[in-house]
Amino acid sequence: MISLLNSFSNNILLSNLVKIRWIAIIGQFFAILLTFFYFRIQILIIPCLFVVAISALVNILSFFIKKRENHLTDKEAFFFLLFDTCQLAILLYLTGGIYNPFSLLLIAPLVISASYLHFIFSVILSASSILIVIIISFFFIEIDWPGEFIVPNLFTYGLLLSFIISLIFIAVYVHMFATSSRNISKVLNQTQIALFNQKKLSEIGSLSAAAVHELSTPLNTIFLILDDFRSNEFVYKSSKIKKEVDLLKSQAERCKNILLKLSENPQNLKDDFFNETMLSDIIKINFDKFNNKNIKLNISILKKDIEPKILFKDELMYGIGNIIQNAIQYSKKEIKVNISWSNLYINIEIIDDGSGFKKEVLDKIGGPYIPSTKKNSMGLGIFIAKNLIENIGGKMYFKNNLNANGSIVNIELNNNILKI
């Protein structure tokens, strides 16, 4: 779970940046019209509107990208903010440069970057913003202001210096506090997880003690009966029966030792059954766990070779489990699972016979808060499954079954990561 949180540490959604940019576009559009027609300040209105139109076009394209993947990586968010900075810089160049009252808005993308992105991206964006401020301080298209507008050179240099200091100070200031907040949040998350695990260990300890107490009496009874059997003349004369009785006693002794270890230190009692396993076993375990509708499971191994064993990983167990659970909820009669592999990849194809993904769901699938037909569902199951699989180097693809009803989920796993 911690690795899942870390993979999305910037918390920037494309939809939020698109909304902010629409607000900026509308503000720029009306500011240009108001300046030109109401205040009658002669600016290059056509080039200005063209720059705003390009920004609107990019925002429309971003809307379609959002349908596929709403969550942005640090790199994607950085380029998004860099575009906004450059777009505003061009508008400022066309409308008076640094003397334009709206030049302060250059700080906005930098604040977002310093708050959410990796430090190196904030440094690059800060350097770009400083370079832009220097350029538009000396190279810009002058505005024919009404009345006399004379700016001393000293004021220009002071204004330039204040901009540069402000950009650096705000970037560092915001980054320090945002980093501190993220670290505190991370520590709190780790503490909650540790407390939860400790609670589970305590529950296991109590359960173990109760199990030892409850099972000790029937085990002692079994030992008494076995001793009586061994002393019986009929059993003593029959070596075959005596051998079977000895085996029963040895297994009862083993049960007693296991219970004793469990009561003494339950957290150190390990089961290496899952150190290595097979995908078909993981699928069967999850299917049996979630199958409450008498759905049938049909697993096909698509190669004649013996199915390879793989390293057990929690991400794999819970990622596949979420997909199997989702398939069971929407299936009518049967779930088919096809497993194939090569030297590089292991492929799992999970096919249900439900109604398939709706178009509006398929367009956004893999992201959080996808609309679902399930009551009280937040649509996070597939989102979590997808990111758990990606955390171990895998990929997940979604589509509808064109040959029949239902949906298909393809999981591609890196064989090198799971290889024993």
Protein backbone atom coordinates (compact mmCIF):
# COMPACT_ATOMS: atom_id res chain seq x y z
CA MET A 1 0.00 0.00 0.00
CA ILE A 2 2.88 2.38 0.77
CA SER A 3 4.40 1.78 -2.67
CA LEU A 4 1.02 2.51 -4.21
CA LEU A 5 0.82 5.83 -2.39
CA ASN A 6 4.36 6.73 -3.38
CA SER A 7 3.69 6.09 -7.06
CA PHE A 8 1.08 8.85 -6.95
CA SER A 9 2.77 11.25 -4.58
CA ASN A 10 2.12 14.38 -6.69
CA ASN A 11 -1.70 14.02 -6.48
CA ILE A 12 -2.15 16.07 -9.66
CA LEU A 13 -5.15 15.20 -11.79
CA LEU A 14 -5.27 16.35 -15.39
CA SER A 15 -8.93 17.29 -14.95
CA ASN A 16 -7.98 19.85 -12.29
CA LEU A 17 -5.29 21.46 -14.46
CA VAL A 18 -7.71 21.54 -17.40
CA LYS A 19 -10.29 23.37 -15.27
CA ILE A 20 -7.69 25.89 -14.04
CA ARG A 21 -6.56 26.52 -17.61
CA TRP A 22 -10.16 27.12 -18.77
CA ILE A 23 -10.47 29.78 -16.06
CA ALA A 24 -7.20 31.36 -17.28
CA ILE A 25 -8.35 31.23 -20.93
CA ILE A 26 -11.67 32.90 -20.16
CA GLY A 27 -9.91 35.56 -18.06
CA GLN A 28 -7.35 36.25 -20.80
CA PHE A 29 -10.03 36.44 -23.49
CA PHE A 30 -12.15 39.02 -21.64
CA ALA A 31 -9.08 40.97 -20.45
CA ILE A 32 -7.93 41.37 -24.09
CA LEU A 33 -11.38 42.46 -25.27
CA LEU A 34 -11.87 44.84 -22.34
CA THR A 35 -8.44 46.41 -22.86
CA PHE A 36 -8.92 46.92 -26.59
CA PHE A 37 -12.58 47.91 -26.85
CA TYR A 38 -13.40 49.49 -23.48
CA PHE A 39 -10.14 51.14 -22.41
CA ARG A 40 -9.19 51.66 -26.07
CA ILE A 41 -5.58 50.69 -25.49
CA GLN A 42 -4.05 49.71 -28.82
CA ILE A 43 -2.70 46.18 -28.45
CA LEU A 44 -2.15 43.51 -31.11
CA ILE A 45 -5.55 41.96 -30.56
CA ILE A 46 -5.41 39.36 -33.36
CA PRO A 47 -2.07 37.77 -32.27
CA CYS A 48 -3.24 37.87 -28.64
CA LEU A 49 -6.50 36.07 -29.43
CA PHE A 50 -4.56 33.58 -31.56
CA VAL A 51 -2.34 32.69 -28.57
CA VAL A 52 -5.44 32.24 -26.39
CA ALA A 53 -7.04 30.07 -29.11
CA ILE A 54 -3.98 27.79 -29.18
CA SER A 55 -4.26 27.36 -25.42
CA ALA A 56 -7.96 26.50 -25.78
CA LEU A 57 -7.12 23.93 -28.47
CA VAL A 58 -4.50 22.29 -26.25
CA ASN A 59 -7.07 22.18 -23.45
CA ILE A 60 -9.59 20.43 -25.69
CA LEU A 61 -6.96 17.84 -26.63
CA SER A 62 -6.16 17.43 -22.93
CA PHE A 63 -9.84 16.65 -22.32
CA PHE A 64 -9.62 13.60 -24.60
CA ILE A 65 -6.35 12.53 -22.99
CA LYS A 66 -8.10 12.71 -19.61
CA LYS A 67 -10.55 10.03 -20.76
CA ARG A 68 -7.68 7.55 -21.06
CA GLU A 69 -5.58 8.55 -18.06
CA ASN A 70 -6.54 11.30 -15.63
CA HIS A 71 -3.56 11.00 -13.32
CA LEU A 72 -0.40 12.78 -14.44
CA THR A 73 3.18 11.76 -13.79
CA ASP A 74 5.61 14.42 -12.57
CA LYS A 75 7.05 14.76 -16.06
CA GLU A 76 3.64 15.18 -17.72
CA ALA A 77 2.51 17.73 -15.14
CA PHE A 78 5.78 19.64 -15.59
CA PHE A 79 5.28 20.01 -19.36
CA PHE A 80 1.68 21.04 -18.76
CA LEU A 81 2.82 23.84 -16.42
CA LEU A 82 5.73 24.80 -18.69
CA PHE A 83 3.29 25.28 -21.57
CA ASP A 84 1.12 27.56 -19.41
CA THR A 85 4.19 29.59 -18.43
CA CYS A 86 5.30 29.99 -22.06
CA GLN A 87 1.78 30.86 -23.23
CA LEU A 88 1.50 33.60 -20.60
CA ALA A 89 5.01 34.83 -21.49
CA ILE A 90 4.00 35.29 -25.15
CA LEU A 91 0.91 37.24 -24.12
CA LEU A 92 3.03 39.45 -21.86
CA TYR A 93 5.50 40.02 -24.71
CA LEU A 94 2.62 41.20 -26.90
CA THR A 95 1.15 43.45 -24.20
CA GLY A 96 3.88 45.46 -22.53
CA GLY A 97 6.19 42.83 -21.08
CA ILE A 98 7.05 43.11 -17.41
CA TYR A 99 5.05 46.35 -17.12
CA ASN A 100 1.81 44.45 -17.75
CA PRO A 101 -0.01 44.25 -14.38
CA PHE A 102 -0.80 40.56 -15.03
CA SER A 103 2.88 39.59 -15.19
CA LEU A 104 2.55 38.46 -11.57
CA LEU A 105 0.59 35.45 -12.84
CA LEU A 106 3.91 33.88 -13.88
CA ILE A 107 4.18 32.82 -10.26
CA ALA A 108 1.06 30.58 -10.41
CA PRO A 109 2.50 27.58 -12.36
CA LEU A 110 5.62 27.74 -10.20
CA VAL A 111 3.58 27.49 -7.00
CA ILE A 112 1.82 24.35 -8.29
CA SER A 113 5.15 22.81 -9.33
CA ALA A 114 6.82 23.57 -6.00
CA SER A 115 3.84 22.16 -4.11
CA TYR A 116 3.47 18.83 -5.88
CA LEU A 117 6.32 17.97 -8.25
CA HIS A 118 9.82 16.66 -7.71
CA PHE A 119 12.37 19.30 -6.74
CA ILE A 120 14.28 19.11 -10.04
CA PHE A 121 11.15 20.03 -12.02
CA SER A 122 10.57 23.05 -9.80
CA VAL A 123 14.18 24.13 -10.34
CA ILE A 124 13.82 23.86 -14.13
CA LEU A 125 10.50 25.73 -14.12
CA SER A 126 11.97 28.42 -11.83
CA ALA A 127 14.96 28.88 -14.14
CA SER A 128 12.63 29.08 -17.15
CA SER A 129 10.43 31.66 -15.42
CA ILE A 130 13.46 33.79 -14.45
CA LEU A 131 14.75 33.65 -18.03
CA ILE A 132 11.31 34.68 -19.32
CA VAL A 133 11.16 37.61 -16.87
CA ILE A 134 14.60 38.81 -17.99
CA ILE A 135 13.65 38.56 -21.68
CA ILE A 136 10.29 40.36 -21.40
CA SER A 137 11.95 43.08 -19.31
CA PHE A 138 13.99 44.25 -22.28
CA PHE A 139 12.22 42.79 -25.31
CA PHE A 140 8.49 43.40 -25.64
CA ILE A 141 5.95 45.23 -27.74
CA GLU A 142 5.21 48.53 -26.07
CA ILE A 143 1.65 49.55 -25.31
CA ASP A 144 0.45 52.97 -26.34
CA TRP A 145 -0.79 53.92 -22.87
CA PRO A 146 -3.22 56.86 -22.61
CA GLY A 147 -1.39 59.75 -21.01
CA GLU A 148 2.30 60.01 -20.31
CA PHE A 149 3.93 56.79 -19.10
CA ILE A 150 7.65 57.12 -18.41
CA VAL A 151 9.52 54.47 -16.43
CA PRO A 152 13.03 55.21 -15.11
CA ASN A 153 15.66 52.56 -15.85
CA LEU A 154 16.32 52.15 -12.14
CA PHE A 155 12.68 51.20 -11.62
CA THR A 156 12.90 48.64 -14.46
CA TYR A 157 15.95 47.00 -12.90
CA GLY A 158 14.31 47.04 -9.48
CA LEU A 159 11.14 45.49 -10.86
CA LEU A 160 13.17 42.81 -12.66
CA LEU A 161 15.16 42.02 -9.50
CA SER A 162 12.00 41.84 -7.38
CA PHE A 163 10.45 39.38 -9.85
CA ILE A 164 13.51 37.14 -9.81
CA ILE A 165 13.77 37.19 -6.00
CA SER A 166 10.02 36.54 -5.68
CA LEU A 167 10.16 33.56 -8.04
CA ILE A 168 13.08 32.01 -6.17
CA PHE A 169 11.75 32.77 -2.69
CA ILE A 170 8.21 31.52 -3.39
CA ALA A 171 9.48 28.35 -5.08
CA VAL A 172 11.79 27.49 -2.17
CA TYR A 173 9.25 28.53 0.47
CA VAL A 174 6.38 26.52 -1.00
CA HIS A 175 8.58 23.48 -1.74
CA MET A 176 9.91 23.36 1.85
CA PHE A 177 6.46 23.48 3.42
CA ALA A 178 4.93 21.09 0.88
CA THR A 179 7.78 18.61 1.41
CA SER A 180 7.37 18.86 5.17
CA SER A 181 3.63 18.27 4.85
CA ARG A 182 4.16 15.26 2.57
CA ASN A 183 6.72 13.76 4.96
CA ILE A 184 4.39 14.18 7.92
CA SER A 185 1.57 12.58 5.94
CA LYS A 186 3.84 9.70 4.94
CA VAL A 187 4.92 9.12 8.53
CA LEU A 188 1.30 9.15 9.69
CA ASN A 189 0.37 6.62 7.00
CA GLN A 190 3.26 4.37 8.01
CA THR A 191 2.28 4.71 11.67
CA GLN A 192 -1.31 3.75 10.91
CA ILE A 193 -0.15 0.72 8.93
CA ALA A 194 2.22 -0.30 11.74
CA LEU A 195 -0.55 0.04 14.34
CA PHE A 196 -2.90 -1.97 12.14
CA ASN A 197 -0.30 -4.73 11.75
CA GLN A 198 0.41 -4.72 15.48
CA LYS A 199 -3.30 -5.06 16.17
CA LYS A 200 -3.49 -8.02 13.82
CA LEU A 201 -0.49 -9.64 15.52
CA SER A 202 -2.16 -9.19 18.91
CA GLU A 203 -5.34 -10.76 17.56
CA ILE A 204 -3.32 -13.68 16.16
CA GLY A 205 -1.61 -14.13 19.53
CA SER A 206 -4.95 -14.24 21.36
CA LEU A 207 -6.39 -16.61 18.79
CA SER A 208 -3.31 -18.84 19.03
CA ALA A 209 -3.53 -19.04 22.81
CA ALA A 210 -7.22 -19.90 22.59
CA ALA A 211 -6.53 -22.56 19.93
CA VAL A 212 -3.80 -24.17 22.06
CA HIS A 213 -6.10 -24.20 25.08
CA GLU A 214 -9.05 -25.67 23.18
CA LEU A 215 -7.05 -28.26 21.21
CA SER A 216 -4.83 -29.49 24.01
CA THR A 217 -7.61 -31.56 25.60
CA PRO A 218 -8.60 -33.53 22.45
CA LEU A 219 -4.90 -34.02 21.60
CA ASN A 220 -4.23 -35.48 25.06
CA THR A 221 -7.20 -37.80 24.57
CA ILE A 222 -5.75 -38.90 21.20
CA PHE A 223 -2.40 -39.67 22.88
CA LEU A 224 -4.10 -41.77 25.56
CA ILE A 225 -6.06 -43.77 23.00
CA LEU A 226 -2.95 -44.28 20.83
CA ASP A 227 -0.98 -45.54 23.86
CA ASP A 228 -3.80 -47.99 24.60
CA PHE A 229 -3.72 -49.15 20.99
CA ARG A 230 0.06 -49.69 21.10
CA SER A 231 -0.20 -51.78 24.26
CA ASN A 232 -3.00 -53.90 22.78
CA GLU A 233 -1.81 -57.45 22.03
CA PHE A 234 -3.52 -57.54 18.63
CA VAL A 235 -1.86 -54.32 17.53
CA TYR A 236 1.49 -55.40 19.02
CA LYS A 237 1.50 -58.63 16.99
CA SER A 238 0.54 -56.88 13.71
CA SER A 239 3.57 -54.89 12.50
CA LYS A 240 1.50 -53.17 9.81
CA ILE A 241 -1.12 -51.85 12.25
CA LYS A 242 1.61 -50.93 14.75
CA LYS A 243 3.34 -48.90 12.03
CA GLU A 244 0.12 -47.02 11.26
CA VAL A 245 -0.46 -46.28 14.97
CA ASP A 246 3.12 -44.97 15.30
CA LEU A 247 2.54 -42.72 12.30
CA LEU A 248 -0.65 -41.33 13.86
CA LYS A 249 1.19 -40.64 17.10
CA SER A 250 4.08 -38.89 15.30
CA GLN A 251 1.63 -36.64 13.46
CA ALA A 252 -0.22 -35.87 16.69
CA GLU A 253 3.15 -34.95 18.25
CA ARG A 254 3.79 -32.66 15.31
CA CYS A 255 0.43 -30.92 15.82
CA LYS A 256 1.28 -30.46 19.50
CA ASN A 257 4.67 -28.90 18.68
CA ILE A 258 3.14 -26.55 16.10
CA LEU A 259 0.54 -25.36 18.61
CA LEU A 260 3.27 -24.85 21.21
CA LYS A 261 5.35 -22.71 18.83
CA LEU A 262 2.26 -20.80 17.80
CA SER A 263 1.41 -19.92 21.39
CA GLU A 264 5.00 -18.90 22.23
CA ASN A 265 5.73 -16.62 19.24
CA PRO A 266 2.98 -16.59 16.60
CA GLN A 267 4.52 -13.84 14.46
CA ASN A 268 7.66 -15.94 13.83
CA LEU A 269 5.75 -19.00 12.69
CA LYS A 270 6.15 -18.77 8.93
CA ASP A 271 4.55 -20.71 6.15
CA ASP A 272 6.70 -20.97 3.04
CA PHE A 273 3.86 -22.36 0.94
CA PHE A 274 3.57 -19.07 -0.95
CA ASN A 275 7.29 -18.43 -1.37
CA GLU A 276 6.81 -19.99 -4.76
CA THR A 277 3.48 -20.66 -6.37
CA MET A 278 1.66 -20.78 -9.70
CA LEU A 279 -0.68 -18.23 -11.23
CA SER A 280 -3.43 -20.81 -11.56
CA ASP A 281 -3.29 -21.37 -7.78
CA ILE A 282 -3.51 -17.62 -7.09
CA ILE A 283 -6.50 -17.38 -9.44
CA LYS A 284 -8.24 -20.37 -7.80
CA ILE A 285 -7.67 -19.01 -4.29
CA ASN A 286 -9.16 -15.62 -5.21
CA PHE A 287 -12.02 -17.23 -7.13
CA ASP A 288 -12.97 -19.43 -4.16
CA LYS A 289 -12.69 -16.42 -1.87
CA PHE A 290 -15.10 -14.18 -3.81
CA ASN A 291 -17.38 -16.67 -5.57
CA ASN A 292 -20.76 -16.23 -3.91
CA LYS A 293 -22.88 -16.68 -7.06
CA ASN A 294 -22.06 -20.28 -8.08
CA ILE A 295 -20.06 -18.98 -11.04
CA LYS A 296 -17.91 -21.58 -12.81
CA LEU A 297 -14.18 -21.10 -13.36
CA ASN A 298 -12.47 -22.43 -16.48
CA ILE A 299 -8.67 -22.10 -16.50
CA SER A 300 -6.83 -22.87 -19.75
CA ILE A 301 -3.05 -23.25 -19.88
CA LEU A 302 -2.28 -22.18 -23.43
CA LYS A 303 1.01 -24.10 -23.69
CA LYS A 304 1.65 -27.79 -23.37
CA ASP A 305 4.59 -27.19 -21.04
CA ILE A 306 4.20 -27.54 -17.29
CA GLU A 307 3.03 -24.23 -15.80
CA PRO A 308 6.09 -22.46 -14.32
CA LYS A 309 6.34 -21.58 -10.67
CA ILE A 310 6.75 -17.91 -9.78
CA LEU A 311 7.67 -15.82 -6.75
CA PHE A 312 4.66 -14.95 -4.65
CA LYS A 313 4.05 -11.20 -4.34
CA ASP A 314 1.32 -9.44 -2.38
CA GLU A 315 0.76 -7.01 -5.28
CA LEU A 316 0.08 -9.95 -7.58
CA MET A 317 -2.28 -11.62 -5.11
CA TYR A 318 -4.38 -8.53 -4.43
CA GLY A 319 -4.18 -7.14 -7.97
CA ILE A 320 -5.50 -10.33 -9.55
CA GLY A 321 -7.93 -10.71 -6.64
CA ASN A 322 -9.58 -7.36 -7.39
CA ILE A 323 -10.01 -8.26 -11.08
CA ILE A 324 -11.41 -11.72 -10.25
CA GLN A 325 -13.81 -10.18 -7.72
CA ASN A 326 -14.98 -7.64 -10.30
CA ALA A 327 -15.44 -10.38 -12.92
CA ILE A 328 -17.52 -12.50 -10.51
CA GLN A 329 -19.79 -9.57 -9.68
CA TYR A 330 -20.66 -9.00 -13.33
CA SER A 331 -20.56 -12.59 -14.65
CA LYS A 332 -23.67 -14.62 -15.33
CA LYS A 333 -22.43 -18.22 -15.53
CA GLU A 334 -18.72 -18.59 -16.18
CA ILE A 335 -15.31 -16.92 -16.00
CA LYS A 336 -12.59 -18.05 -18.38
CA VAL A 337 -8.92 -17.52 -17.61
CA ASN A 338 -6.23 -18.12 -20.22
CA ILE A 339 -2.61 -18.32 -19.05
CA SER A 340 0.35 -18.24 -21.42
CA TRP A 341 4.02 -17.36 -21.07
CA SER A 342 7.28 -16.77 -22.87
CA ASN A 343 10.84 -16.10 -21.81
CA LEU A 344 9.98 -12.43 -21.22
CA TYR A 345 6.32 -12.23 -20.24
CA ILE A 346 3.50 -14.07 -18.54
CA ASN A 347 0.05 -13.23 -19.91
CA ILE A 348 -3.25 -13.67 -18.11
CA GLU A 349 -6.55 -13.14 -19.92
CA ILE A 350 -9.62 -12.95 -17.68
CA ILE A 351 -12.93 -13.16 -19.59
CA ASP A 352 -16.39 -12.85 -18.03
CA ASP A 353 -19.78 -13.37 -19.66
CA GLY A 354 -21.41 -10.24 -18.24
CA SER A 355 -22.66 -7.18 -20.10
CA GLY A 356 -19.15 -5.77 -20.72
CA PHE A 357 -17.75 -2.32 -19.98
CA LYS A 358 -19.92 0.67 -20.80
CA LYS A 359 -18.31 3.12 -23.21
CA GLU A 360 -18.03 5.91 -20.64
CA VAL A 361 -16.36 3.47 -18.23
CA LEU A 362 -14.01 1.97 -20.84
CA ASP A 363 -12.81 5.46 -21.81
CA LYS A 364 -11.70 6.22 -18.25
CA ILE A 365 -10.95 2.77 -16.87
CA GLY A 366 -7.83 2.49 -14.76
CA GLY A 367 -8.35 5.87 -13.12
CA PRO A 368 -9.93 6.52 -9.70
CA TYR A 369 -13.60 7.31 -9.10
CA ILE A 370 -14.91 5.66 -12.27
CA PRO A 371 -18.75 5.60 -12.35
CA SER A 372 -20.01 2.16 -11.32
CA THR A 373 -23.37 0.42 -11.31
CA LYS A 374 -22.58 -1.09 -7.92
CA LYS A 375 -24.24 0.59 -4.97
CA ASN A 376 -21.94 2.64 -2.73
CA SER A 377 -18.99 1.87 -5.02
CA MET A 378 -16.27 4.49 -5.52
CA GLY A 379 -14.84 2.72 -8.57
CA LEU A 380 -11.42 2.22 -6.95
CA GLY A 381 -11.10 -1.58 -7.34
CA ILE A 382 -9.71 -1.65 -10.87
CA PHE A 383 -7.65 1.50 -10.19
CA ILE A 384 -5.95 -0.21 -7.24
CA ALA A 385 -5.50 -3.48 -9.16
CA LYS A 386 -3.93 -1.69 -12.14
CA ASN A 387 -1.44 0.18 -10.00
CA LEU A 388 -0.53 -2.85 -7.91
CA ILE A 389 0.30 -4.76 -11.09
CA GLU A 390 2.25 -1.78 -12.49
CA ASN A 391 4.24 -1.59 -9.23
CA ILE A 392 5.77 -5.01 -10.03
CA GLY A 393 6.51 -4.07 -13.65
CA GLY A 394 3.30 -5.38 -15.21
CA LYS A 395 0.66 -3.86 -17.44
CA MET A 396 -3.11 -4.16 -17.62
CA TYR A 397 -5.40 -3.70 -20.62
CA PHE A 398 -9.20 -3.58 -20.81
CA LYS A 399 -11.61 -4.24 -23.66
CA ASN A 400 -15.01 -5.73 -24.43
CA ASN A 401 -15.40 -9.21 -25.87
CA LEU A 402 -16.28 -8.67 -29.54
CA ASN A 403 -17.12 -12.35 -30.12
CA ALA A 404 -19.60 -12.59 -27.25
CA ASN A 405 -20.96 -10.65 -24.30
CA GLY A 406 -18.66 -9.70 -21.48
CA SER A 407 -15.36 -7.98 -20.85
CA ILE A 408 -11.71 -9.00 -21.18
CA VAL A 409 -8.88 -7.96 -18.88
CA ASN A 410 -5.36 -8.70 -20.11
CA ILE A 411 -2.57 -8.75 -17.52
CA GLU A 412 1.00 -8.78 -18.82
CA LEU A 413 3.63 -9.60 -16.21
CA ASN A 414 7.39 -9.28 -16.48
CA ASN A 415 8.78 -12.80 -16.23
CA ASN A 416 12.14 -11.56 -14.96
CA ILE A 417 10.57 -10.02 -11.86
CA LEU A 418 8.55 -13.11 -10.98
CA LYS A 419 11.18 -15.68 -11.95
CA ILE A 420 12.42 -17.93 -9.17
